[in-house]
Amino acid sequence: MQCVADDEEVCVAGHLELVETPDGGCRILMVDGEDCLMGLSKRYSSVDEAVEGVAAIREVAGTGLLRTSSAERYAVLMLEEPV
C-alpha cells in the first residue's frame, strides 16, 4: 500500500490512471498500492468516454459478481479488442 505522510498517514489500496494511447485514444489502468498493474480497460476515443468508463469500473468493482470463466472466453475477449 502507498502511504503518504502529511499531518497524518493515509494509506491507499490503489488508484485508477487515465493514459493516452499512441493512436490518440485513452485507456484506464487499475494500479494497486505497490504500483503493479491490476487491470487495463478497453480503448476509449476521448477523455469524456474514459471518464464514463471510470464510473462503470467503480460500479462493477463495488457491486459486480465474481464469475469464473474459461481460457476460451479470455481469448474471445482479447480478439474483440483492437490494439
PDB file of N, CA and C in Angstrom:
ATOM      1  N   MET A   1       0.833  -1.193   0.000  1.00  0.00           N
ATOM      2  CA  MET A   1       0.000   0.000   0.000  1.00  0.00           C
ATOM      3  C   MET A   1       0.872   1.249   0.000  1.00  0.00           C
ATOM      4  N   GLN A   2       0.404   2.264  -0.703  1.00  0.00           N
ATOM      5  CA  GLN A   2       1.093   3.535  -0.675  1.00  0.00           C
ATOM      6  C   GLN A   2       0.619   4.306   0.541  1.00  0.00           C
ATOM      7  N   CYS A   3       1.567   4.853   1.272  1.00  0.00           N
ATOM      8  CA  CYS A   3       1.226   5.688   2.414  1.00  0.00           C
ATOM      9  C   CYS A   3       1.866   7.047   2.217  1.00  0.00           C
ATOM     10  N   VAL A   4       1.081   8.086   2.385  1.00  0.00           N
ATOM     11  CA  VAL A   4       1.567   9.444   2.210  1.00  0.00           C
ATOM     12  C   VAL A   4       1.565  10.114   3.568  1.00  0.00           C
ATOM     13  N   ALA A   5       2.730  10.625   3.966  1.00  0.00           N
ATOM     14  CA  ALA A   5       2.833  11.281   5.265  1.00  0.00           C
ATOM     15  C   ALA A   5       2.635  12.782   5.082  1.00  0.00           C
ATOM     16  N   ASP A   6       1.699  13.318   5.765  1.00  0.00           N
ATOM     17  CA  ASP A   6       1.469  14.756   5.831  1.00  0.00           C
ATOM     18  C   ASP A   6       1.273  15.021   7.316  1.00  0.00           C
ATOM     19  N   ASP A   7       0.154  15.554   7.692  1.00  0.00           N
ATOM     20  CA  ASP A   7      -0.164  15.659   9.112  1.00  0.00           C
ATOM     21  C   ASP A   7      -0.541  14.292   9.659  1.00  0.00           C
ATOM     22  N   GLU A   8      -1.087  13.454   8.805  1.00  0.00           N
ATOM     23  CA  GLU A   8      -1.458  12.106   9.201  1.00  0.00           C
ATOM     24  C   GLU A   8      -1.139  11.154   8.056  1.00  0.00           C
ATOM     25  N   GLU A   9      -1.045   9.907   8.360  1.00  0.00           N
ATOM     26  CA  GLU A   9      -0.726   8.907   7.358  1.00  0.00           C
ATOM     27  C   GLU A   9      -1.997   8.432   6.666  1.00  0.00           C
ATOM     28  N   VAL A  10      -1.965   8.417   5.342  1.00  0.00           N
ATOM     29  CA  VAL A  10      -3.105   7.965   4.560  1.00  0.00           C
ATOM     30  C   VAL A  10      -2.623   6.812   3.673  1.00  0.00           C
ATOM     31  N   CYS A  11      -3.225   5.657   3.834  1.00  0.00           N
ATOM     32  CA  CYS A  11      -2.856   4.506   3.017  1.00  0.00           C
ATOM     33  C   CYS A  11      -3.873   4.330   1.896  1.00  0.00           C
ATOM     34  N   VAL A  12      -3.369   4.048   0.716  1.00  0.00           N
ATOM     35  CA  VAL A  12      -4.218   3.891  -0.451  1.00  0.00           C
ATOM     36  C   VAL A  12      -4.029   2.483  -0.999  1.00  0.00           C
ATOM     37  N   ALA A  13      -5.136   1.794  -1.234  1.00  0.00           N
ATOM     38  CA  ALA A  13      -5.069   0.436  -1.774  1.00  0.00           C
ATOM     39  C   ALA A  13      -4.659   0.446  -3.239  1.00  0.00           C
ATOM     40  N   GLY A  14      -4.879   1.521  -3.922  1.00  0.00           N
ATOM     41  CA  GLY A  14      -4.540   1.632  -5.322  1.00  0.00           C
ATOM     42  C   GLY A  14      -5.243   2.815  -5.948  1.00  0.00           C
ATOM     43  N   HIS A  15      -5.145   2.919  -7.252  1.00  0.00           N
ATOM     44  CA  HIS A  15      -5.772   4.048  -7.939  1.00  0.00           C
ATOM     45  C   HIS A  15      -6.027   3.696  -9.397  1.00  0.00           C
ATOM     46  N   LEU A  16      -6.764   4.563 -10.054  1.00  0.00           N
ATOM     47  CA  LEU A  16      -7.009   4.452 -11.489  1.00  0.00           C
ATOM     48  C   LEU A  16      -6.199   5.542 -12.184  1.00  0.00           C
ATOM     49  N   GLU A  17      -5.609   5.201 -13.319  1.00  0.00           N
ATOM     50  CA  GLU A  17      -4.846   6.168 -14.108  1.00  0.00           C
ATOM     51  C   GLU A  17      -5.449   6.265 -15.495  1.00  0.00           C
ATOM     52  N   LEU A  18      -5.599   7.469 -15.968  1.00  0.00           N
ATOM     53  CA  LEU A  18      -6.052   7.712 -17.331  1.00  0.00           C
ATOM     54  C   LEU A  18      -4.803   7.973 -18.167  1.00  0.00           C
ATOM     55  N   VAL A  19      -4.567   7.128 -19.168  1.00  0.00           N
ATOM     56  CA  VAL A  19      -3.369   7.273 -20.000  1.00  0.00           C
ATOM     57  C   VAL A  19      -3.768   7.421 -21.463  1.00  0.00           C
ATOM     58  N   GLU A  20      -2.975   8.223 -22.175  1.00  0.00           N
ATOM     59  CA  GLU A  20      -3.190   8.377 -23.612  1.00  0.00           C
ATOM     60  C   GLU A  20      -2.561   7.200 -24.337  1.00  0.00           C
ATOM     61  N   THR A  21      -3.218   6.759 -25.405  1.00  0.00           N
ATOM     62  CA  THR A  21      -2.670   5.686 -26.228  1.00  0.00           C
ATOM     63  C   THR A  21      -1.966   6.308 -27.436  1.00  0.00           C
ATOM     64  N   PRO A  22      -1.040   5.573 -28.048  1.00  0.00           N
ATOM     65  CA  PRO A  22      -0.302   6.128 -29.193  1.00  0.00           C
ATOM     66  C   PRO A  22      -1.193   6.582 -30.348  1.00  0.00           C
ATOM     67  N   ASP A  23      -2.384   6.007 -30.470  1.00  0.00           N
ATOM     68  CA  ASP A  23      -3.291   6.373 -31.567  1.00  0.00           C
ATOM     69  C   ASP A  23      -4.243   7.513 -31.212  1.00  0.00           C
ATOM     70  N   GLY A  24      -4.017   8.160 -30.070  1.00  0.00           N
ATOM     71  CA  GLY A  24      -4.831   9.312 -29.693  1.00  0.00           C
ATOM     72  C   GLY A  24      -6.016   9.000 -28.813  1.00  0.00           C
ATOM     73  N   GLY A  25      -6.203   7.756 -28.441  1.00  0.00           N
ATOM     74  CA  GLY A  25      -7.293   7.383 -27.548  1.00  0.00           C
ATOM     75  C   GLY A  25      -6.856   7.431 -26.096  1.00  0.00           C
ATOM     76  N   CYS A  26      -7.637   6.795 -25.235  1.00  0.00           N
ATOM     77  CA  CYS A  26      -7.343   6.733 -23.805  1.00  0.00           C
ATOM     78  C   CYS A  26      -7.649   5.336 -23.287  1.00  0.00           C
ATOM     79  N   ARG A  27      -6.949   4.951 -22.248  1.00  0.00           N
ATOM     80  CA  ARG A  27      -7.255   3.726 -21.513  1.00  0.00           C
ATOM     81  C   ARG A  27      -7.182   4.055 -20.022  1.00  0.00           C
ATOM     82  N   ILE A  28      -7.806   3.201 -19.245  1.00  0.00           N
ATOM     83  CA  ILE A  28      -7.780   3.352 -17.798  1.00  0.00           C
ATOM     84  C   ILE A  28      -6.967   2.191 -17.238  1.00  0.00           C
ATOM     85  N   LEU A  29      -5.982   2.508 -16.439  1.00  0.00           N
ATOM     86  CA  LEU A  29      -5.191   1.493 -15.763  1.00  0.00           C
ATOM     87  C   LEU A  29      -5.664   1.393 -14.325  1.00  0.00           C
ATOM     88  N   MET A  30      -5.829   0.184 -13.816  1.00  0.00           N
ATOM     89  CA  MET A  30      -6.097  -0.035 -12.400  1.00  0.00           C
ATOM     90  C   MET A  30      -4.773  -0.513 -11.794  1.00  0.00           C
ATOM     91  N   VAL A  31      -4.247   0.268 -10.850  1.00  0.00           N
ATOM     92  CA  VAL A  31      -2.932   0.020 -10.280  1.00  0.00           C
ATOM     93  C   VAL A  31      -3.077  -0.181  -8.778  1.00  0.00           C
ATOM     94  N   ASP A  32      -2.402  -1.197  -8.245  1.00  0.00           N
ATOM     95  CA  ASP A  32      -2.513  -1.432  -6.800  1.00  0.00           C
ATOM     96  C   ASP A  32      -1.580  -0.497  -6.022  1.00  0.00           C
ATOM     97  N   GLY A  33      -1.592  -0.620  -4.715  1.00  0.00           N
ATOM     98  CA  GLY A  33      -0.821   0.257  -3.837  1.00  0.00           C
ATOM     99  C   GLY A  33       0.680   0.131  -3.996  1.00  0.00           C
ATOM    100  N   GLU A  34       1.139  -0.926  -4.646  1.00  0.00           N
ATOM    101  CA  GLU A  34       2.575  -1.100  -4.886  1.00  0.00           C
ATOM    102  C   GLU A  34       2.929  -0.793  -6.337  1.00  0.00           C
ATOM    103  N   ASP A  35       2.028  -0.123  -7.040  1.00  0.00           N
ATOM    104  CA  ASP A  35       2.207   0.323  -8.420  1.00  0.00           C
ATOM    105  C   ASP A  35       2.268  -0.822  -9.423  1.00  0.00           C
ATOM    106  N   CYS A  36       1.589  -1.930  -9.123  1.00  0.00           N
ATOM    107  CA  CYS A  36       1.510  -3.058 -10.053  1.00  0.00           C
ATOM    108  C   CYS A  36       0.205  -2.971 -10.829  1.00  0.00           C
ATOM    109  N   LEU A  37       0.271  -3.200 -12.132  1.00  0.00           N
ATOM    110  CA  LEU A  37      -0.918  -3.165 -12.976  1.00  0.00           C
ATOM    111  C   LEU A  37      -1.854  -4.307 -12.607  1.00  0.00           C
ATOM    112  N   MET A  38      -3.095  -3.978 -12.299  1.00  0.00           N
ATOM    113  CA  MET A  38      -4.109  -4.972 -11.945  1.00  0.00           C
ATOM    114  C   MET A  38      -5.168  -5.115 -13.042  1.00  0.00           C
ATOM    115  N   GLY A  39      -5.353  -4.083 -13.839  1.00  0.00           N
ATOM    116  CA  GLY A  39      -6.363  -4.133 -14.877  1.00  0.00           C
ATOM    117  C   GLY A  39      -6.141  -3.068 -15.926  1.00  0.00           C
ATOM    118  N   LEU A  40      -6.588  -3.359 -17.134  1.00  0.00           N
ATOM    119  CA  LEU A  40      -6.458  -2.459 -18.268  1.00  0.00           C
ATOM    120  C   LEU A  40      -7.808  -2.391 -18.965  1.00  0.00           C
ATOM    121  N   SER A  41      -8.312  -1.194 -19.162  1.00  0.00           N
ATOM    122  CA  SER A  41      -9.622  -1.024 -19.796  1.00  0.00           C
ATOM    123  C   SER A  41      -9.538  -1.193 -21.307  1.00  0.00           C
ATOM    124  N   LYS A  42     -10.692  -1.184 -21.896  1.00  0.00           N
ATOM    125  CA  LYS A  42     -10.762  -1.094 -23.355  1.00  0.00           C
ATOM    126  C   LYS A  42     -10.270   0.292 -23.757  1.00  0.00           C
ATOM    127  N   ARG A  43     -10.104   0.499 -25.056  1.00  0.00           N
ATOM    128  CA  ARG A  43      -9.687   1.803 -25.568  1.00  0.00           C
ATOM    129  C   ARG A  43     -10.908   2.712 -25.694  1.00  0.00           C
ATOM    130  N   TYR A  44     -10.772   3.918 -25.202  1.00  0.00           N
ATOM    131  CA  TYR A  44     -11.808   4.938 -25.351  1.00  0.00           C
ATOM    132  C   TYR A  44     -11.309   5.973 -26.342  1.00  0.00           C
ATOM    133  N   SER A  45     -12.217   6.553 -27.106  1.00  0.00           N
ATOM    134  CA  SER A  45     -11.799   7.514 -28.124  1.00  0.00           C
ATOM    135  C   SER A  45     -11.626   8.930 -27.580  1.00  0.00           C
ATOM    136  N   SER A  46     -12.119   9.184 -26.366  1.00  0.00           N
ATOM    137  CA  SER A  46     -11.980  10.529 -25.792  1.00  0.00           C
ATOM    138  C   SER A  46     -11.871  10.445 -24.269  1.00  0.00           C
ATOM    139  N   VAL A  47     -11.413  11.527 -23.690  1.00  0.00           N
ATOM    140  CA  VAL A  47     -11.332  11.605 -22.231  1.00  0.00           C
ATOM    141  C   VAL A  47     -12.731  11.520 -21.621  1.00  0.00           C
ATOM    142  N   ASP A  48     -13.712  12.158 -22.252  1.00  0.00           N
ATOM    143  CA  ASP A  48     -15.082  12.113 -21.733  1.00  0.00           C
ATOM    144  C   ASP A  48     -15.605  10.675 -21.684  1.00  0.00           C
ATOM    145  N   GLU A  49     -15.334   9.895 -22.734  1.00  0.00           N
ATOM    146  CA  GLU A  49     -15.739   8.481 -22.730  1.00  0.00           C
ATOM    147  C   GLU A  49     -15.015   7.721 -21.623  1.00  0.00           C
ATOM    148  N   ALA A  50     -13.741   8.013 -21.439  1.00  0.00           N
ATOM    149  CA  ALA A  50     -12.960   7.324 -20.408  1.00  0.00           C
ATOM    150  C   ALA A  50     -13.487   7.647 -19.013  1.00  0.00           C
ATOM    151  N   VAL A  51     -13.895   8.883 -18.801  1.00  0.00           N
ATOM    152  CA  VAL A  51     -14.462   9.266 -17.506  1.00  0.00           C
ATOM    153  C   VAL A  51     -15.744   8.470 -17.244  1.00  0.00           C
ATOM    154  N   GLU A  52     -16.560   8.268 -18.267  1.00  0.00           N
ATOM    155  CA  GLU A  52     -17.744   7.419 -18.124  1.00  0.00           C
ATOM    156  C   GLU A  52     -17.320   5.982 -17.820  1.00  0.00           C
ATOM    157  N   GLY A  53     -16.211   5.552 -18.420  1.00  0.00           N
ATOM    158  CA  GLY A  53     -15.681   4.221 -18.148  1.00  0.00           C
ATOM    159  C   GLY A  53     -15.251   4.060 -16.704  1.00  0.00           C
ATOM    160  N   VAL A  54     -14.684   5.110 -16.126  1.00  0.00           N
ATOM    161  CA  VAL A  54     -14.296   5.078 -14.710  1.00  0.00           C
ATOM    162  C   VAL A  54     -15.530   4.858 -13.841  1.00  0.00           C
ATOM    163  N   ALA A  55     -16.604   5.546 -14.147  1.00  0.00           N
ATOM    164  CA  ALA A  55     -17.844   5.367 -13.380  1.00  0.00           C
ATOM    165  C   ALA A  55     -18.325   3.919 -13.478  1.00  0.00           C
ATOM    166  N   ALA A  56     -18.241   3.340 -14.675  1.00  0.00           N
ATOM    167  CA  ALA A  56     -18.668   1.949 -14.858  1.00  0.00           C
ATOM    168  C   ALA A  56     -17.758   0.995 -14.092  1.00  0.00           C
ATOM    169  N   ILE A  57     -16.450   1.243 -14.132  1.00  0.00           N
ATOM    170  CA  ILE A  57     -15.498   0.400 -13.393  1.00  0.00           C
ATOM    171  C   ILE A  57     -15.805   0.444 -11.901  1.00  0.00           C
ATOM    172  N   ARG A  58     -16.052   1.624 -11.383  1.00  0.00           N
ATOM    173  CA  ARG A  58     -16.363   1.754  -9.953  1.00  0.00           C
ATOM    174  C   ARG A  58     -17.644   1.013  -9.595  1.00  0.00           C
ATOM    175  N   GLU A  59     -18.638   1.083 -10.451  1.00  0.00           N
ATOM    176  CA  GLU A  59     -19.901   0.385 -10.209  1.00  0.00           C
ATOM    177  C   GLU A  59     -19.684  -1.124 -10.183  1.00  0.00           C
ATOM    178  N   VAL A  60     -18.976  -1.639 -11.177  1.00  0.00           N
ATOM    179  CA  VAL A  60     -18.732  -3.084 -11.242  1.00  0.00           C
ATOM    180  C   VAL A  60     -17.877  -3.531 -10.056  1.00  0.00           C
ATOM    181  N   ALA A  61     -16.835  -2.758  -9.745  1.00  0.00           N
ATOM    182  CA  ALA A  61     -15.957  -3.137  -8.636  1.00  0.00           C
ATOM    183  C   ALA A  61     -16.706  -3.152  -7.301  1.00  0.00           C
ATOM    184  N   GLY A  62     -17.673  -2.253  -7.165  1.00  0.00           N
ATOM    185  CA  GLY A  62     -18.405  -2.159  -5.910  1.00  0.00           C
ATOM    186  C   GLY A  62     -19.557  -3.133  -5.773  1.00  0.00           C
ATOM    187  N   THR A  63     -20.158  -3.521  -6.894  1.00  0.00           N
ATOM    188  CA  THR A  63     -21.376  -4.325  -6.800  1.00  0.00           C
ATOM    189  C   THR A  63     -21.392  -5.566  -7.687  1.00  0.00           C
ATOM    190  N   GLY A  64     -20.410  -5.686  -8.563  1.00  0.00           N
ATOM    191  CA  GLY A  64     -20.416  -6.797  -9.521  1.00  0.00           C
ATOM    192  C   GLY A  64     -20.127  -8.137  -8.871  1.00  0.00           C
ATOM    193  N   LEU A  65     -20.671  -9.184  -9.482  1.00  0.00           N
ATOM    194  CA  LEU A  65     -20.425 -10.545  -9.023  1.00  0.00           C
ATOM    195  C   LEU A  65     -19.122 -11.059  -9.622  1.00  0.00           C
ATOM    196  N   LEU A  66     -18.441 -11.933  -8.908  1.00  0.00           N
ATOM    197  CA  LEU A  66     -17.252 -12.605  -9.426  1.00  0.00           C
ATOM    198  C   LEU A  66     -17.690 -13.895 -10.087  1.00  0.00           C
ATOM    199  N   ARG A  67     -17.313 -14.079 -11.333  1.00  0.00           N
ATOM    200  CA  ARG A  67     -17.661 -15.285 -12.077  1.00  0.00           C
ATOM    201  C   ARG A  67     -16.383 -15.953 -12.551  1.00  0.00           C
ATOM    202  N   THR A  68     -16.406 -17.253 -12.632  1.00  0.00           N
ATOM    203  CA  THR A  68     -15.282 -17.966 -13.235  1.00  0.00           C
ATOM    204  C   THR A  68     -15.584 -18.156 -14.713  1.00  0.00           C
ATOM    205  N   SER A  69     -14.518 -18.253 -15.495  1.00  0.00           N
ATOM    206  CA  SER A  69     -14.694 -18.426 -16.923  1.00  0.00           C
ATOM    207  C   SER A  69     -13.530 -19.227 -17.471  1.00  0.00           C
ATOM    208  N   SER A  70     -13.551 -19.452 -18.771  1.00  0.00           N
ATOM    209  CA  SER A  70     -12.574 -20.330 -19.408  1.00  0.00           C
ATOM    210  C   SER A  70     -11.506 -19.548 -20.166  1.00  0.00           C
ATOM    211  N   ALA A  71     -10.464 -20.259 -20.549  1.00  0.00           N
ATOM    212  CA  ALA A  71      -9.422 -19.677 -21.390  1.00  0.00           C
ATOM    213  C   ALA A  71      -9.991 -19.257 -22.738  1.00  0.00           C
ATOM    214  N   GLU A  72     -10.981 -19.989 -23.214  1.00  0.00           N
ATOM    215  CA  GLU A  72     -11.611 -19.644 -24.485  1.00  0.00           C
ATOM    216  C   GLU A  72     -12.321 -18.294 -24.401  1.00  0.00           C
ATOM    217  N   ARG A  73     -12.992 -18.053 -23.300  1.00  0.00           N
ATOM    218  CA  ARG A  73     -13.670 -16.763 -23.095  1.00  0.00           C
ATOM    219  C   ARG A  73     -12.656 -15.631 -23.113  1.00  0.00           C
ATOM    220  N   TYR A  74     -11.528 -15.827 -22.443  1.00  0.00           N
ATOM    221  CA  TYR A  74     -10.457 -14.826 -22.428  1.00  0.00           C
ATOM    222  C   TYR A  74      -9.973 -14.566 -23.847  1.00  0.00           C
ATOM    223  N   ALA A  75      -9.745 -15.627 -24.611  1.00  0.00           N
ATOM    224  CA  ALA A  75      -9.250 -15.495 -25.970  1.00  0.00           C
ATOM    225  C   ALA A  75     -10.233 -14.699 -26.842  1.00  0.00           C
ATOM    226  N   VAL A  76     -11.518 -14.976 -26.694  1.00  0.00           N
ATOM    227  CA  VAL A  76     -12.537 -14.254 -27.469  1.00  0.00           C
ATOM    228  C   VAL A  76     -12.508 -12.774 -27.113  1.00  0.00           C
ATOM    229  N   LEU A  77     -12.433 -12.454 -25.834  1.00  0.00           N
ATOM    230  CA  LEU A  77     -12.397 -11.050 -25.415  1.00  0.00           C
ATOM    231  C   LEU A  77     -11.161 -10.343 -25.948  1.00  0.00           C
ATOM    232  N   MET A  78     -10.027 -11.015 -25.966  1.00  0.00           N
ATOM    233  CA  MET A  78      -8.799 -10.405 -26.463  1.00  0.00           C
ATOM    234  C   MET A  78      -8.856 -10.188 -27.971  1.00  0.00           C
ATOM    235  N   LEU A  79      -9.540 -11.043 -28.690  1.00  0.00           N
ATOM    236  CA  LEU A  79      -9.668 -10.874 -30.141  1.00  0.00           C
ATOM    237  C   LEU A  79     -10.592  -9.705 -30.496  1.00  0.00           C
ATOM    238  N   GLU A  80     -11.579  -9.437 -29.643  1.00  0.00           N
ATOM    239  CA  GLU A  80     -12.536  -8.369 -29.906  1.00  0.00           C
ATOM    240  C   GLU A  80     -11.934  -7.001 -29.712  1.00  0.00           C
ATOM    241  N   GLU A  81     -10.891  -6.879 -28.931  1.00  0.00           N
ATOM    242  CA  GLU A  81     -10.310  -5.582 -28.606  1.00  0.00           C
ATOM    243  C   GLU A  81      -9.139  -5.268 -29.536  1.00  0.00           C
ATOM    244  N   PRO A  82      -9.307  -4.343 -30.476  1.00  0.00           N
ATOM    245  CA  PRO A  82      -8.177  -3.970 -31.340  1.00  0.00           C
ATOM    246  C   PRO A  82      -7.103  -3.257 -30.534  1.00  0.00           C
ATOM    247  N   VAL A  83      -5.871  -3.527 -30.879  1.00  0.00           N
ATOM    248  CA  VAL A  83      -4.736  -2.930 -30.149  1.00  0.00           C
ATOM    249  C   VAL A  83      -4.393  -1.595 -30.735  1.00  0.00           C
TER     250      VAL A  83
END
